[in-house]
C-alpha atoms as a PDB file:
ATOM      1  CA  MET A   1       0.044   0.193  -0.018  1.00  0.00           C
ATOM      2  CA  THR A   2       1.420   3.066  -1.002  1.00  0.00           C
ATOM      3  CA  GLU A   3       1.969   6.116   1.776  1.00  0.00           C
ATOM      4  CA  ARG A   4      -1.051   8.431   0.525  1.00  0.00           C
ATOM      5  CA  ALA A   5      -3.286   5.168   0.429  1.00  0.00           C
ATOM      6  CA  ARG A   6      -2.550   4.078   3.696  1.00  0.00           C
ATOM      7  CA  GLY A   7      -3.182   7.717   5.037  1.00  0.00           C
ATOM      8  CA  ASP A   8      -6.049   7.473   3.649  1.00  0.00           C
ATOM      9  CA  VAL A   9      -7.226   4.342   5.541  1.00  0.00           C
ATOM     10  CA  VAL A  10      -6.338   5.668   8.834  1.00  0.00           C
ATOM     11  CA  ALA A  11      -7.201   9.157   8.370  1.00  0.00           C
ATOM     12  CA  ALA A  12     -10.687   7.541   7.260  1.00  0.00           C
ATOM     13  CA  PHE A  13     -10.847   5.187  10.580  1.00  0.00           C
ATOM     14  CA  ASP A  14      -9.862   8.095  12.563  1.00  0.00           C
ATOM     15  CA  ALA A  15     -13.103  10.234  11.335  1.00  0.00           C
ATOM     16  CA  ALA A  16     -15.095   7.450  12.178  1.00  0.00           C
ATOM     17  CA  SER A  17     -14.453   6.138  15.652  1.00  0.00           C
ATOM     18  CA  ASP A  18     -17.500   7.387  16.589  1.00  0.00           C
ATOM     19  CA  TYR A  19     -19.623   5.348  14.202  1.00  0.00           C
ATOM     20  CA  TRP A  20     -17.469   2.004  15.213  1.00  0.00           C
ATOM     21  CA  ASP A  21     -18.373   2.929  18.760  1.00  0.00           C
ATOM     22  CA  SER A  22     -22.077   3.315  18.305  1.00  0.00           C
ATOM     23  CA  ILE A  23     -22.796   1.275  15.365  1.00  0.00           C
ATOM     24  CA  TYR A  24     -23.421  -1.549  17.668  1.00  0.00           C
ATOM     25  CA  GLU A  25     -26.422   0.208  19.474  1.00  0.00           C
ATOM     26  CA  GLU A  26     -28.176   1.758  16.771  1.00  0.00           C
ATOM     27  CA  THR A  27     -31.287   0.133  14.793  1.00  0.00           C
ATOM     28  CA  THR A  28     -30.628   0.837  11.295  1.00  0.00           C
ATOM     29  CA  VAL A  29     -30.204  -2.426   8.781  1.00  0.00           C
ATOM     30  CA  GLU A  30     -26.644  -1.731   8.597  1.00  0.00           C
ATOM     31  CA  ALA A  31     -26.008  -1.617  12.034  1.00  0.00           C
ATOM     32  CA  VAL A  32     -28.250  -4.894  12.634  1.00  0.00           C
ATOM     33  CA  VAL A  33     -25.874  -6.547  10.165  1.00  0.00           C
ATOM     34  CA  TYR A  34     -22.736  -5.532  11.643  1.00  0.00           C
ATOM     35  CA  GLN A  35     -24.284  -6.853  15.089  1.00  0.00           C
ATOM     36  CA  THR A  36     -24.978  -9.980  13.504  1.00  0.00           C
ATOM     37  CA  ARG A  37     -21.506 -10.907  12.318  1.00  0.00           C
ATOM     38  CA  ARG A  38     -19.822  -9.848  16.156  1.00  0.00           C
ATOM     39  CA  ALA A  39     -22.800 -11.926  17.578  1.00  0.00           C
ATOM     40  CA  VAL A  40     -21.532 -15.254  15.340  1.00  0.00           C
ATOM     41  CA  VAL A  41     -18.164 -13.825  15.780  1.00  0.00           C
ATOM     42  CA  GLU A  42     -17.810 -13.994  19.923  1.00  0.00           C
ATOM     43  CA  ARG A  43     -20.081 -17.196  19.874  1.00  0.00           C
ATOM     44  CA  TRP A  44     -17.293 -19.180  17.540  1.00  0.00           C
ATOM     45  CA  LEU A  45     -14.972 -17.417  20.005  1.00  0.00           C
ATOM     46  CA  ALA A  46     -16.101 -18.355  23.296  1.00  0.00           C
ATOM     47  CA  GLY A  47     -16.397 -22.079  21.815  1.00  0.00           C
ATOM     48  CA  LEU A  48     -12.654 -22.412  21.472  1.00  0.00           C
ATOM     49  CA  PRO A  49     -10.460 -24.383  23.662  1.00  0.00           C
ATOM     50  CA  VAL A  50      -8.143 -21.594  24.143  1.00  0.00           C
ATOM     51  CA  ALA A  51      -7.070 -21.794  28.182  1.00  0.00           C
ATOM     52  CA  ALA A  52      -7.375 -18.710  30.171  1.00  0.00           C
ATOM     53  CA  GLY A  53      -3.859 -16.796  30.170  1.00  0.00           C
ATOM     54  CA  ALA A  54      -3.189 -17.635  26.530  1.00  0.00           C
ATOM     55  CA  ARG A  55      -1.932 -14.343  24.262  1.00  0.00           C
ATOM     56  CA  VAL A  56      -4.902 -13.558  21.959  1.00  0.00           C
ATOM     57  CA  LEU A  57      -3.975 -10.746  18.730  1.00  0.00           C
ATOM     58  CA  GLU A  58      -6.777  -9.033  17.526  1.00  0.00           C
ATOM     59  CA  VAL A  59      -6.056  -6.525  14.756  1.00  0.00           C
ATOM     60  CA  GLY A  60      -8.012  -4.156  13.658  1.00  0.00           C
ATOM     61  CA  PRO A  61     -10.074  -4.204  17.122  1.00  0.00           C
ATOM     62  CA  GLY A  62     -12.182  -1.404  16.246  1.00  0.00           C
ATOM     63  CA  ALA A  63     -13.999   0.270  19.875  1.00  0.00           C
ATOM     64  CA  GLY A  64     -12.910  -2.711  21.644  1.00  0.00           C
ATOM     65  CA  HIS A  65     -16.070  -4.692  21.690  1.00  0.00           C
ATOM     66  CA  THR A  66     -14.949  -8.335  20.777  1.00  0.00           C
ATOM     67  CA  THR A  67     -11.301  -7.264  23.012  1.00  0.00           C
ATOM     68  CA  VAL A  68     -13.050  -6.818  25.856  1.00  0.00           C
ATOM     69  CA  ALA A  69     -14.901 -10.021  25.611  1.00  0.00           C
ATOM     70  CA  LEU A  70     -11.663 -12.189  24.968  1.00  0.00           C
ATOM     71  CA  ALA A  71     -10.115 -10.167  28.275  1.00  0.00           C
ATOM     72  CA  GLU A  72     -12.828 -11.420  30.039  1.00  0.00           C
ATOM     73  CA  ARG A  73     -12.482 -14.910  29.431  1.00  0.00           C
ATOM     74  CA  GLY A  74      -8.466 -13.985  31.094  1.00  0.00           C
ATOM     75  CA  LEU A  75      -6.943 -13.945  27.941  1.00  0.00           C
ATOM     76  CA  ASP A  76      -4.015 -11.938  27.107  1.00  0.00           C
ATOM     77  CA  VAL A  77      -4.890  -9.101  24.153  1.00  0.00           C
ATOM     78  CA  ASP A  78      -2.553  -7.443  22.526  1.00  0.00           C
ATOM     79  CA  ALA A  79      -4.817  -4.885  20.315  1.00  0.00           C
ATOM     80  CA  LEU A  80      -3.020  -3.793  17.303  1.00  0.00           C
ATOM     81  CA  ASP A  81      -4.412  -1.220  14.866  1.00  0.00           C
ATOM     82  CA  VAL A  82      -2.893   1.694  12.331  1.00  0.00           C
ATOM     83  CA  SER A  83      -5.698   4.568  13.993  1.00  0.00           C
ATOM     84  CA  GLU A  84      -4.904   6.310  17.525  1.00  0.00           C
ATOM     85  CA  PRO A  85      -8.333   7.550  18.087  1.00  0.00           C
ATOM     86  CA  MET A  86      -9.666   3.947  17.772  1.00  0.00           C
ATOM     87  CA  LEU A  87      -6.783   2.293  20.104  1.00  0.00           C
ATOM     88  CA  VAL A  88      -7.786   5.105  22.264  1.00  0.00           C
ATOM     89  CA  ARG A  89     -11.558   3.717  22.542  1.00  0.00           C
ATOM     90  CA  VAL A  90     -10.259   0.123  23.052  1.00  0.00           C
ATOM     91  CA  ALA A  91      -7.914   0.894  26.285  1.00  0.00           C
ATOM     92  CA  GLU A  92     -11.208   3.206  27.641  1.00  0.00           C
ATOM     93  CA  ARG A  93     -13.764   0.225  26.941  1.00  0.00           C
ATOM     94  CA  ALA A  94     -10.878  -2.142  28.785  1.00  0.00           C
ATOM     95  CA  ARG A  95     -10.667  -0.051  31.716  1.00  0.00           C
ATOM     96  CA  ALA A  96     -14.502   0.640  32.191  1.00  0.00           C
ATOM     97  CA  ALA A  97     -14.789  -3.561  31.997  1.00  0.00           C
ATOM     98  CA  GLY A  98     -11.871  -3.723  34.329  1.00  0.00           C
ATOM     99  CA  VAL A  99      -9.558  -5.720  32.281  1.00  0.00           C
ATOM    100  CA  GLU A 100      -7.215  -2.634  31.466  1.00  0.00           C
ATOM    101  CA  SER A 101      -4.403  -5.099  32.655  1.00  0.00           C
ATOM    102  CA  ARG A 102      -4.975  -8.110  30.370  1.00  0.00           C
ATOM    103  CA  VAL A 103      -5.487  -5.295  27.032  1.00  0.00           C
ATOM    104  CA  HIS A 104      -2.414  -4.057  25.596  1.00  0.00           C
ATOM    105  CA  THR A 105      -3.126  -1.543  22.701  1.00  0.00           C
ATOM    106  CA  ARG A 106      -0.155  -1.172  20.029  1.00  0.00           C
ATOM    107  CA  ARG A 107      -0.084   0.956  16.837  1.00  0.00           C
ATOM    108  CA  GLY A 108       1.174  -0.874  13.483  1.00  0.00           C
ATOM    109  CA  PRO A 109       0.147  -2.000  10.745  1.00  0.00           C
ATOM    110  CA  ALA A 110      -1.232  -5.538   9.761  1.00  0.00           C
ATOM    111  CA  GLU A 111       1.057  -6.424   7.208  1.00  0.00           C
ATOM    112  CA  SER A 112       4.188  -6.264   9.802  1.00  0.00           C
ATOM    113  CA  VAL A 113       3.339  -7.644  13.253  1.00  0.00           C
ATOM    114  CA  ASP A 114       6.458  -6.736  15.611  1.00  0.00           C
ATOM    115  CA  ALA A 115       5.794 -10.356  17.203  1.00  0.00           C
ATOM    116  CA  PRO A 116       7.778 -13.647  16.631  1.00  0.00           C
ATOM    117  CA  GLY A 117       6.456 -16.527  14.785  1.00  0.00           C
ATOM    118  CA  GLY A 118       3.586 -18.856  16.864  1.00  0.00           C
ATOM    119  CA  ALA A 119       3.340 -15.652  19.308  1.00  0.00           C
ATOM    120  CA  TYR A 120      -0.554 -16.139  19.660  1.00  0.00           C
ATOM    121  CA  ALA A 121      -2.756 -18.920  20.256  1.00  0.00           C
ATOM    122  CA  LEU A 122      -5.393 -16.954  18.822  1.00  0.00           C
ATOM    123  CA  VAL A 123      -5.521 -14.391  16.253  1.00  0.00           C
ATOM    124  CA  VAL A 124      -8.804 -12.353  15.460  1.00  0.00           C
ATOM    125  CA  ALA A 125      -9.147  -9.660  12.289  1.00  0.00           C
ATOM    126  CA  VAL A 126     -12.690  -8.567  11.905  1.00  0.00           C
ATOM    127  CA  GLY A 127     -13.499  -6.186   9.249  1.00  0.00           C
ATOM    128  CA  LEU A 128      -9.439  -6.034   8.411  1.00  0.00           C
ATOM    129  CA  ILE A 129      -8.965  -7.769   5.021  1.00  0.00           C
ATOM    130  CA  PRO A 130     -11.139  -5.333   3.125  1.00  0.00           C
ATOM    131  CA  TRP A 131      -9.108  -2.445   4.165  1.00  0.00           C
ATOM    132  CA  VAL A 132      -5.442  -3.982   3.255  1.00  0.00           C
ATOM    133  CA  GLU A 133      -3.956  -3.430  -0.005  1.00  0.00           C
ATOM    134  CA  ASP A 134      -2.352  -6.374   0.105  1.00  0.00           C
ATOM    135  CA  PRO A 135      -4.527  -9.404   1.099  1.00  0.00           C
ATOM    136  CA  ALA A 136      -1.939 -12.324   1.185  1.00  0.00           C
ATOM    137  CA  ARG A 137       0.385 -10.531   2.859  1.00  0.00           C
ATOM    138  CA  THR A 138      -1.346 -10.163   5.428  1.00  0.00           C
ATOM    139  CA  VAL A 139      -2.826 -13.550   5.843  1.00  0.00           C
ATOM    140  CA  SER A 140       0.335 -14.808   5.519  1.00  0.00           C
ATOM    141  CA  GLU A 141       1.589 -12.266   8.223  1.00  0.00           C
ATOM    142  CA  LEU A 142      -1.254 -14.136  10.744  1.00  0.00           C
ATOM    143  CA  ALA A 143      -0.460 -17.629   9.794  1.00  0.00           C
ATOM    144  CA  ARG A 144       3.124 -16.774  10.968  1.00  0.00           C
ATOM    145  CA  VAL A 145       2.395 -15.402  14.140  1.00  0.00           C
ATOM    146  CA  VAL A 146      -0.216 -17.925  15.291  1.00  0.00           C
ATOM    147  CA  GLU A 147       1.072 -20.960  16.911  1.00  0.00           C
ATOM    148  CA  PRO A 148       0.930 -24.513  15.438  1.00  0.00           C
ATOM    149  CA  GLY A 149      -2.701 -26.165  16.611  1.00  0.00           C
ATOM    150  CA  GLY A 150      -3.312 -21.957  16.715  1.00  0.00           C
ATOM    151  CA  TRP A 151      -6.643 -20.346  15.989  1.00  0.00           C
ATOM    152  CA  VAL A 152      -7.649 -17.353  13.346  1.00  0.00           C
ATOM    153  CA  LEU A 153     -10.665 -16.199  12.878  1.00  0.00           C
ATOM    154  CA  LEU A 154     -11.065 -13.327   9.920  1.00  0.00           C
ATOM    155  CA  THR A 155     -13.982 -11.891   8.157  1.00  0.00           C
ATOM    156  CA  SER A 156     -13.984 -10.706   4.508  1.00  0.00           C
ATOM    157  CA  ASP A 157     -16.427  -8.282   2.463  1.00  0.00           C
ATOM    158  CA  ASN A 158     -18.371 -10.743   0.220  1.00  0.00           C
ATOM    159  CA  ARG A 159     -18.113  -9.729  -3.136  1.00  0.00           C
ATOM    160  CA  ALA A 160     -20.932 -11.904  -3.865  1.00  0.00           C
ATOM    161  CA  ARG A 161     -23.476 -10.393  -1.909  1.00  0.00           C
ATOM    162  CA  LEU A 162     -27.181 -10.716  -2.409  1.00  0.00           C
ATOM    163  CA  THR A 163     -27.820  -6.884  -2.488  1.00  0.00           C
ATOM    164  CA  PHE A 164     -25.791  -6.147  -5.621  1.00  0.00           C
ATOM    165  CA  PHE A 165     -27.336  -8.975  -7.803  1.00  0.00           C
ATOM    166  CA  LEU A 166     -31.007  -6.698  -7.030  1.00  0.00           C
ATOM    167  CA  ASP A 167     -29.619  -3.563  -7.768  1.00  0.00           C
ATOM    168  CA  PRO A 168     -27.219  -3.345 -11.072  1.00  0.00           C
ATOM    169  CA  PHE A 169     -26.106   0.241 -10.073  1.00  0.00           C
ATOM    170  CA  VAL A 170     -23.841  -1.271  -7.169  1.00  0.00           C
ATOM    171  CA  ASN A 171     -23.182  -4.358  -8.845  1.00  0.00           C
ATOM    172  CA  PRO A 172     -19.348  -4.739  -9.314  1.00  0.00           C
ATOM    173  CA  TRP A 173     -19.857  -6.736 -12.045  1.00  0.00           C
ATOM    174  CA  LEU A 174     -21.494  -4.594 -14.467  1.00  0.00           C
ATOM    175  CA  GLU A 175     -18.579  -1.439 -13.707  1.00  0.00           C
ATOM    176  CA  ARG A 176     -17.319  -1.961 -17.020  1.00  0.00           C
ATOM    177  CA  SER A 177     -20.774  -0.712 -18.523  1.00  0.00           C
ATOM    178  CA  ARG A 178     -21.407   1.867 -16.128  1.00  0.00           C
ATOM    179  CA  ALA A 179     -18.146   3.440 -16.635  1.00  0.00           C
ATOM    180  CA  ILE A 180     -18.693   4.188 -19.991  1.00  0.00           C
ATOM    181  CA  GLY A 181     -21.282   6.479 -18.619  1.00  0.00           C
ATOM    182  CA  ARG A 182     -19.333   7.717 -16.199  1.00  0.00           C
ATOM    183  CA  ARG A 183     -16.397   8.780 -18.347  1.00  0.00           C
ATOM    184  CA  ALA A 184     -17.868  12.397 -19.616  1.00  0.00           C
ATOM    185  CA  ARG A 185     -18.888  12.782 -16.097  1.00  0.00           C
ATOM    186  CA  ASP A 186     -15.615  12.687 -14.986  1.00  0.00           C
ATOM    187  CA  LEU A 187     -14.007  15.024 -17.580  1.00  0.00           C
ATOM    188  CA  VAL A 188     -16.356  17.526 -16.201  1.00  0.00           C
ATOM    189  CA  ARG A 189     -15.340  16.875 -12.476  1.00  0.00           C
ATOM    190  CA  ARG A 190     -11.461  16.247 -13.129  1.00  0.00           C
ATOM    191  CA  ARG A 191     -10.870  19.730 -12.095  1.00  0.00           C
ATOM    192  CA  GLN A 192     -12.971  19.456  -8.960  1.00  0.00           C
ATOM    193  CA  ALA A 193     -11.004  18.159  -5.510  1.00  0.00           C
ATOM    194  CA  ARG A 194     -10.484  14.734  -5.839  1.00  0.00           C
ATOM    195  CA  ARG A 195     -12.075  12.746  -3.042  1.00  0.00           C
ATOM    196  CA  PRO A 196      -9.586  10.476  -0.864  1.00  0.00           C
ATOM    197  CA  ASP A 197      -8.467   7.486  -2.319  1.00  0.00           C
ATOM    198  CA  VAL A 198      -9.221   5.201   0.657  1.00  0.00           C
ATOM    199  CA  LEU A 199      -9.195   1.681  -0.783  1.00  0.00           C
ATOM    200  CA  TRP A 200     -11.963  -1.127   0.374  1.00  0.00           C
ATOM    201  CA  HIS A 201     -12.326  -4.194  -1.359  1.00  0.00           C
ATOM    202  CA  MET A 202     -14.214  -6.959  -1.319  1.00  0.00           C
ATOM    203  CA  TYR A 203     -13.441 -10.919  -2.347  1.00  0.00           C
ATOM    204  CA  SER A 204     -14.798 -13.967  -3.312  1.00  0.00           C
ATOM    205  CA  ARG A 205     -15.027 -16.772  -0.772  1.00  0.00           C
ATOM    206  CA  ARG A 206     -13.054 -19.008  -2.581  1.00  0.00           C
ATOM    207  CA  PHE A 207     -10.142 -16.040  -3.242  1.00  0.00           C
ATOM    208  CA  VAL A 208     -10.210 -15.889   0.842  1.00  0.00           C
ATOM    209  CA  ASP A 209     -10.187 -19.808   1.431  1.00  0.00           C
ATOM    210  CA  ASP A 210      -7.266 -20.180  -1.318  1.00  0.00           C
ATOM    211  CA  LEU A 211      -5.616 -17.662   0.961  1.00  0.00           C
ATOM    212  CA  LEU A 212      -6.075 -19.273   4.332  1.00  0.00           C
ATOM    213  CA  ARG A 213      -5.053 -23.361   2.571  1.00  0.00           C
ATOM    214  CA  ALA A 214      -1.806 -21.455   1.211  1.00  0.00           C
ATOM    215  CA  ASN A 215      -0.477 -20.459   4.562  1.00  0.00           C
ATOM    216  CA  GLY A 216      -1.565 -24.069   6.278  1.00  0.00           C
ATOM    217  CA  LEU A 217      -4.707 -22.991   7.810  1.00  0.00           C
ATOM    218  CA  GLU A 218      -7.556 -24.870   7.455  1.00  0.00           C
ATOM    219  CA  THR A 219     -11.378 -23.873   7.165  1.00  0.00           C
ATOM    220  CA  VAL A 220     -12.899 -25.516  10.506  1.00  0.00           C
ATOM    221  CA  HIS A 221     -16.457 -23.089  10.191  1.00  0.00           C
ATOM    222  CA  ALA A 222     -17.238 -20.682   7.745  1.00  0.00           C
ATOM    223  CA  ALA A 223     -20.334 -18.863   7.131  1.00  0.00           C
ATOM    224  CA  THR A 224     -21.820 -15.343   5.466  1.00  0.00           C
ATOM    225  CA  ILE A 225     -23.623 -13.187   7.419  1.00  0.00           C
ATOM    226  CA  GLY A 226     -25.695  -9.821   6.562  1.00  0.00           C
ATOM    227  CA  PHE A 227     -28.725  -9.178   3.920  1.00  0.00           C
ATOM    228  CA  GLY A 228     -29.032  -5.480   3.387  1.00  0.00           C
ATOM    229  CA  PRO A 229     -30.128  -2.685   3.335  1.00  0.00           C
ATOM    230  CA  PHE A 230     -31.431  -3.552  -0.196  1.00  0.00           C
ATOM    231  CA  THR A 231     -31.491  -0.587  -3.166  1.00  0.00           C
ATOM    232  CA  LEU A 232     -32.778   0.302  -6.183  1.00  0.00           C
ATOM    233  CA  ALA A 233     -30.883   2.624  -7.981  1.00  0.00           C
ATOM    234  CA  GLY A 234     -28.767   3.292  -5.013  1.00  0.00           C
ATOM    235  CA  ARG A 235     -31.327   4.285  -3.131  1.00  0.00           C
ATOM    236  CA  HIS A 236     -33.316   2.050   0.407  1.00  0.00           C
ATOM    237  CA  VAL A 237     -36.453   0.110  -0.891  1.00  0.00           C
ATOM    238  CA  LEU A 238     -37.086  -0.626   2.680  1.00  0.00           C
ATOM    239  CA  SER A 239     -37.502   0.839   6.044  1.00  0.00           C
ATOM    240  CA  SER A 240     -35.106  -0.100   8.699  1.00  0.00           C
ATOM    241  CA  ARG A 241     -37.824  -1.722  10.661  1.00  0.00           C
ATOM    242  CA  ALA A 242     -38.879  -3.623   7.357  1.00  0.00           C
ATOM    243  CA  GLY A 243     -35.318  -3.934   6.375  1.00  0.00           C
ATOM    244  CA  THR A 244     -34.387  -5.792   9.861  1.00  0.00           C
ATOM    245  CA  ARG A 245     -37.155  -8.064   9.603  1.00  0.00           C
ATOM    246  CA  VAL A 246     -35.642  -9.303   6.109  1.00  0.00           C
ATOM    247  CA  HIS A 247     -32.226  -9.639   7.132  1.00  0.00           C
ATOM    248  CA  ARG A 248     -33.154 -11.701  10.232  1.00  0.00           C
ATOM    249  CA  ALA A 249     -35.615 -13.999   7.837  1.00  0.00           C
ATOM    250  CA  LEU A 250     -32.608 -14.655   5.094  1.00  0.00           C
ATOM    251  CA  GLN A 251     -30.402 -14.997   7.933  1.00  0.00           C
ATOM    252  CA  ARG A 252     -32.070 -17.542   9.350  1.00  0.00           C
ATOM    253  CA  LEU A 253     -32.115 -19.823   6.055  1.00  0.00           C
ATOM    254  CA  ALA A 254     -28.590 -18.847   5.185  1.00  0.00           C
ATOM    255  CA  ASP A 255     -27.371 -20.525   8.500  1.00  0.00           C
ATOM    256  CA  ARG A 256     -29.520 -23.726   7.765  1.00  0.00           C
ATOM    257  CA  ARG A 257     -27.624 -23.671   4.637  1.00  0.00           C
ATOM    258  CA  VAL A 258     -30.507 -22.943   1.899  1.00  0.00           C
ATOM    259  CA  PRO A 259     -28.446 -22.814  -1.382  1.00  0.00           C
ATOM    260  CA  VAL A 260     -27.662 -19.742  -2.863  1.00  0.00           C
ATOM    261  CA  LEU A 261     -28.381 -17.451   0.362  1.00  0.00           C
ATOM    262  CA  ARG A 262     -25.823 -19.996   2.770  1.00  0.00           C
ATOM    263  CA  ALA A 263     -23.664 -18.104   0.315  1.00  0.00           C
ATOM    264  CA  THR A 264     -24.537 -14.132  -0.316  1.00  0.00           C
ATOM    265  CA  GLY A 265     -24.426 -12.337   2.980  1.00  0.00           C
ATOM    266  CA  SER A 266     -22.604  -9.137   3.021  1.00  0.00           C
ATOM    267  CA  HIS A 267     -19.371 -10.691   5.053  1.00  0.00           C
ATOM    268  CA  TYR A 268     -17.945 -13.415   4.779  1.00  0.00           C
ATOM    269  CA  VAL A 269     -17.007 -15.249   8.209  1.00  0.00           C
ATOM    270  CA  VAL A 270     -14.206 -18.093   8.369  1.00  0.00           C
ATOM    271  CA  LEU A 271     -12.789 -19.812  11.723  1.00  0.00           C
ATOM    272  CA  ALA A 272      -9.520 -21.832  10.916  1.00  0.00           C
ATOM    273  CA  ARG A 273      -6.538 -23.488  12.584  1.00  0.00           C
ATOM    274  CA  LYS A 274      -3.247 -23.827  11.332  1.00  0.00           C
ATOM    275  CA  GLU A 275      -1.596 -27.153  10.674  1.00  0.00           C
ATOM    276  CA  ARG A 276       0.461 -28.926  13.842  1.00  0.00           C
ATOM    277  CA  SER A 277       3.401 -29.373  11.485  1.00  0.00           C
END
């Protein structure tokens, strides 16, 4: 990632720290989707046989909700982020929960973790992969620092999400067609201030699975999470209440492995284990 691009990502998360702190209490469809993702992540983590006192690395801890949940289990958590305001919120939440002695905030990039190989029993990276320029290097680094037999839980934004299929105006597969219409518009706007070059990426489930496998990480659980908000021509077509009901109904079907729905949630959540050899 270029220094400019990295700076744009850092600036975006610095400015959005309030958003990531409050979204787990809001009632919009987007917020409910993130709350569903968090519930799945924490349920999977709670079921892991990781002993109290074990070292955990959480990369991109957000406002610290999962960080605190891990520390309350007696785990020793290193919270790593490129955004100082996000780390401040993690520390504040840990103090409020009385687990500050087990939470250690560190500023740095995910692509280069300052830790020896096999240092952690568990690595958590929720919402990280969409914001790194080189996912292969990042996953390789996460695999490096987890111990043999240890666990890696990460999420990726799913390129094959159902919301894209239902709205051609946001479908990435139709980007080439839309680009033709944008060329004239861009000529007019070229002299206007350019928006920050913040990098956000989506990937297929197969792409993520292949990255994990290439780094000696075997998938144990995998699921797609989140259906909505649904749009038409980029505009919401359901109220928050109706959209939330639709999300929950579709999520129940996805959890039952119903074809199509099981693969088209907005977020791909994967729990993998590192080979012992």
